[in-house]
Amino acid sequence: MKTPKGEQETIIHWYQDDDAATVNTSSYSMMKRYDKCVDKGDWECIKIEYCEGDIVSKTYRVPKSLVYGRTKKTTRDFQKE
């Protein structure tokens, strides 16, 4: 029993006193993307949930620096200001 597309979600848990974040997703396209990060060794899959034999969600542990969402400013960016 797969999760309907309209109910699929991805949640990032960010704890200030921890050096890693937890990412939980029920989105199959995001699972594929995150599993590639696991294969490269950047992420760790810490939990898989099943319903009627199908995977319905996965939880990953990832260094905060990889999910921070802020890009570095380059010298070119400073010249524009």
C-alpha atoms as a PDB file:
ATOM      1  CA  MET A   1       0.000   0.000   0.000  1.00  0.00           C
ATOM      2  CA  LYS A   2       1.828   3.079  -1.215  1.00  0.00           C
ATOM      3  CA  THR A   3       1.290   6.519   0.269  1.00  0.00           C
ATOM      4  CA  PRO A   4      -0.900   8.709  -1.994  1.00  0.00           C
ATOM      5  CA  LYS A   5       1.065  11.513  -3.655  1.00  0.00           C
ATOM      6  CA  GLY A   6      -0.954  14.223  -1.904  1.00  0.00           C
ATOM      7  CA  GLU A   7      -0.001  12.800   1.508  1.00  0.00           C
ATOM      8  CA  GLN A   8       3.740  12.430   0.892  1.00  0.00           C
ATOM      9  CA  GLU A   9       5.877  14.813   2.939  1.00  0.00           C
ATOM     10  CA  THR A  10       9.469  15.494   3.960  1.00  0.00           C
ATOM     11  CA  ILE A  11      10.288  16.861   7.408  1.00  0.00           C
ATOM     12  CA  ILE A  12      13.664  18.103   8.662  1.00  0.00           C
ATOM     13  CA  HIS A  13      14.209  18.026  12.430  1.00  0.00           C
ATOM     14  CA  TRP A  14      16.925  20.471  13.437  1.00  0.00           C
ATOM     15  CA  TYR A  15      18.074  20.397  17.063  1.00  0.00           C
ATOM     16  CA  GLN A  16      20.325  23.275  18.097  1.00  0.00           C
ATOM     17  CA  ASP A  17      22.485  21.184  20.447  1.00  0.00           C
ATOM     18  CA  ASP A  18      23.158  18.395  17.917  1.00  0.00           C
ATOM     19  CA  ASP A  19      25.635  18.449  15.030  1.00  0.00           C
ATOM     20  CA  ALA A  20      23.295  16.441  12.783  1.00  0.00           C
ATOM     21  CA  ALA A  21      19.734  16.847  11.530  1.00  0.00           C
ATOM     22  CA  THR A  22      17.107  14.155  11.077  1.00  0.00           C
ATOM     23  CA  VAL A  23      15.186  13.980   7.803  1.00  0.00           C
ATOM     24  CA  ASN A  24      11.980  11.945   7.601  1.00  0.00           C
ATOM     25  CA  THR A  25      10.260  11.438   4.269  1.00  0.00           C
ATOM     26  CA  SER A  26       7.329   9.530   2.844  1.00  0.00           C
ATOM     27  CA  SER A  27       8.063  10.870  -0.652  1.00  0.00           C
ATOM     28  CA  TYR A  28       9.343   8.117  -2.937  1.00  0.00           C
ATOM     29  CA  SER A  29      11.250  10.538  -5.186  1.00  0.00           C
ATOM     30  CA  MET A  30      13.022  12.029  -2.153  1.00  0.00           C
ATOM     31  CA  MET A  31      13.851   8.548  -0.827  1.00  0.00           C
ATOM     32  CA  LYS A  32      15.616   7.775  -4.113  1.00  0.00           C
ATOM     33  CA  ARG A  33      17.602  11.004  -3.892  1.00  0.00           C
ATOM     34  CA  TYR A  34      18.499  10.506  -0.224  1.00  0.00           C
ATOM     35  CA  ASP A  35      19.436   6.845  -0.759  1.00  0.00           C
ATOM     36  CA  LYS A  36      22.077   8.062  -3.241  1.00  0.00           C
ATOM     37  CA  CYS A  37      23.506  10.232  -0.448  1.00  0.00           C
ATOM     38  CA  VAL A  38      23.567   7.152   1.800  1.00  0.00           C
ATOM     39  CA  ASP A  39      25.403   5.188  -0.900  1.00  0.00           C
ATOM     40  CA  LYS A  40      28.046   7.953  -1.098  1.00  0.00           C
ATOM     41  CA  GLY A  41      28.481   7.821   2.686  1.00  0.00           C
ATOM     42  CA  ASP A  42      27.244  11.358   3.387  1.00  0.00           C
ATOM     43  CA  TRP A  43      23.950  10.323   5.027  1.00  0.00           C
ATOM     44  CA  GLU A  44      22.831   7.431   7.231  1.00  0.00           C
ATOM     45  CA  CYS A  45      19.436   5.700   6.948  1.00  0.00           C
ATOM     46  CA  ILE A  46      18.387   5.068  10.546  1.00  0.00           C
ATOM     47  CA  LYS A  47      14.792   3.853  10.189  1.00  0.00           C
ATOM     48  CA  ILE A  48      12.537   2.312   7.539  1.00  0.00           C
ATOM     49  CA  GLU A  49       8.777   1.956   8.049  1.00  0.00           C
ATOM     50  CA  TYR A  50       6.667  -0.585   6.164  1.00  0.00           C
ATOM     51  CA  CYS A  51       2.939  -1.035   5.576  1.00  0.00           C
ATOM     52  CA  GLU A  52       1.691  -4.236   3.963  1.00  0.00           C
ATOM     53  CA  GLY A  53       5.206  -5.010   2.736  1.00  0.00           C
ATOM     54  CA  ASP A  54       5.769  -1.632   1.044  1.00  0.00           C
ATOM     55  CA  ILE A  55       8.163   1.017   2.302  1.00  0.00           C
ATOM     56  CA  VAL A  56       6.101   4.019   3.408  1.00  0.00           C
ATOM     57  CA  SER A  57       8.785   6.203   5.031  1.00  0.00           C
ATOM     58  CA  LYS A  58      12.474   6.469   5.773  1.00  0.00           C
ATOM     59  CA  THR A  59      14.372   8.462   8.365  1.00  0.00           C
ATOM     60  CA  TYR A  60      17.901   9.688   7.729  1.00  0.00           C
ATOM     61  CA  ARG A  61      20.593  11.277   9.885  1.00  0.00           C
ATOM     62  CA  VAL A  62      22.647  13.909   8.086  1.00  0.00           C
ATOM     63  CA  PRO A  63      25.301  16.475   9.042  1.00  0.00           C
ATOM     64  CA  LYS A  64      23.683  19.894   9.394  1.00  0.00           C
ATOM     65  CA  SER A  65      26.147  21.401   6.947  1.00  0.00           C
ATOM     66  CA  LEU A  66      24.592  19.321   4.151  1.00  0.00           C
ATOM     67  CA  VAL A  67      21.024  20.548   4.748  1.00  0.00           C
ATOM     68  CA  TYR A  68      21.622  24.090   5.948  1.00  0.00           C
ATOM     69  CA  GLY A  69      20.263  25.636   2.753  1.00  0.00           C
ATOM     70  CA  ARG A  70      22.510  28.682   2.761  1.00  0.00           C
ATOM     71  CA  THR A  71      25.087  29.193   0.077  1.00  0.00           C
ATOM     72  CA  LYS A  72      28.491  30.757   0.580  1.00  0.00           C
ATOM     73  CA  LYS A  73      28.961  34.293  -0.637  1.00  0.00           C
ATOM     74  CA  THR A  74      31.575  34.597  -3.300  1.00  0.00           C
ATOM     75  CA  THR A  75      33.763  37.588  -4.081  1.00  0.00           C
ATOM     76  CA  ARG A  76      31.499  38.239  -7.058  1.00  0.00           C
ATOM     77  CA  ASP A  77      28.483  38.536  -4.695  1.00  0.00           C
ATOM     78  CA  PHE A  78      30.251  41.196  -2.637  1.00  0.00           C
ATOM     79  CA  GLN A  79      31.073  43.213  -5.755  1.00  0.00           C
ATOM     80  CA  LYS A  80      27.360  43.392  -6.627  1.00  0.00           C
ATOM     81  CA  GLU A  81      26.446  44.983  -3.275  1.00  0.00           C
END
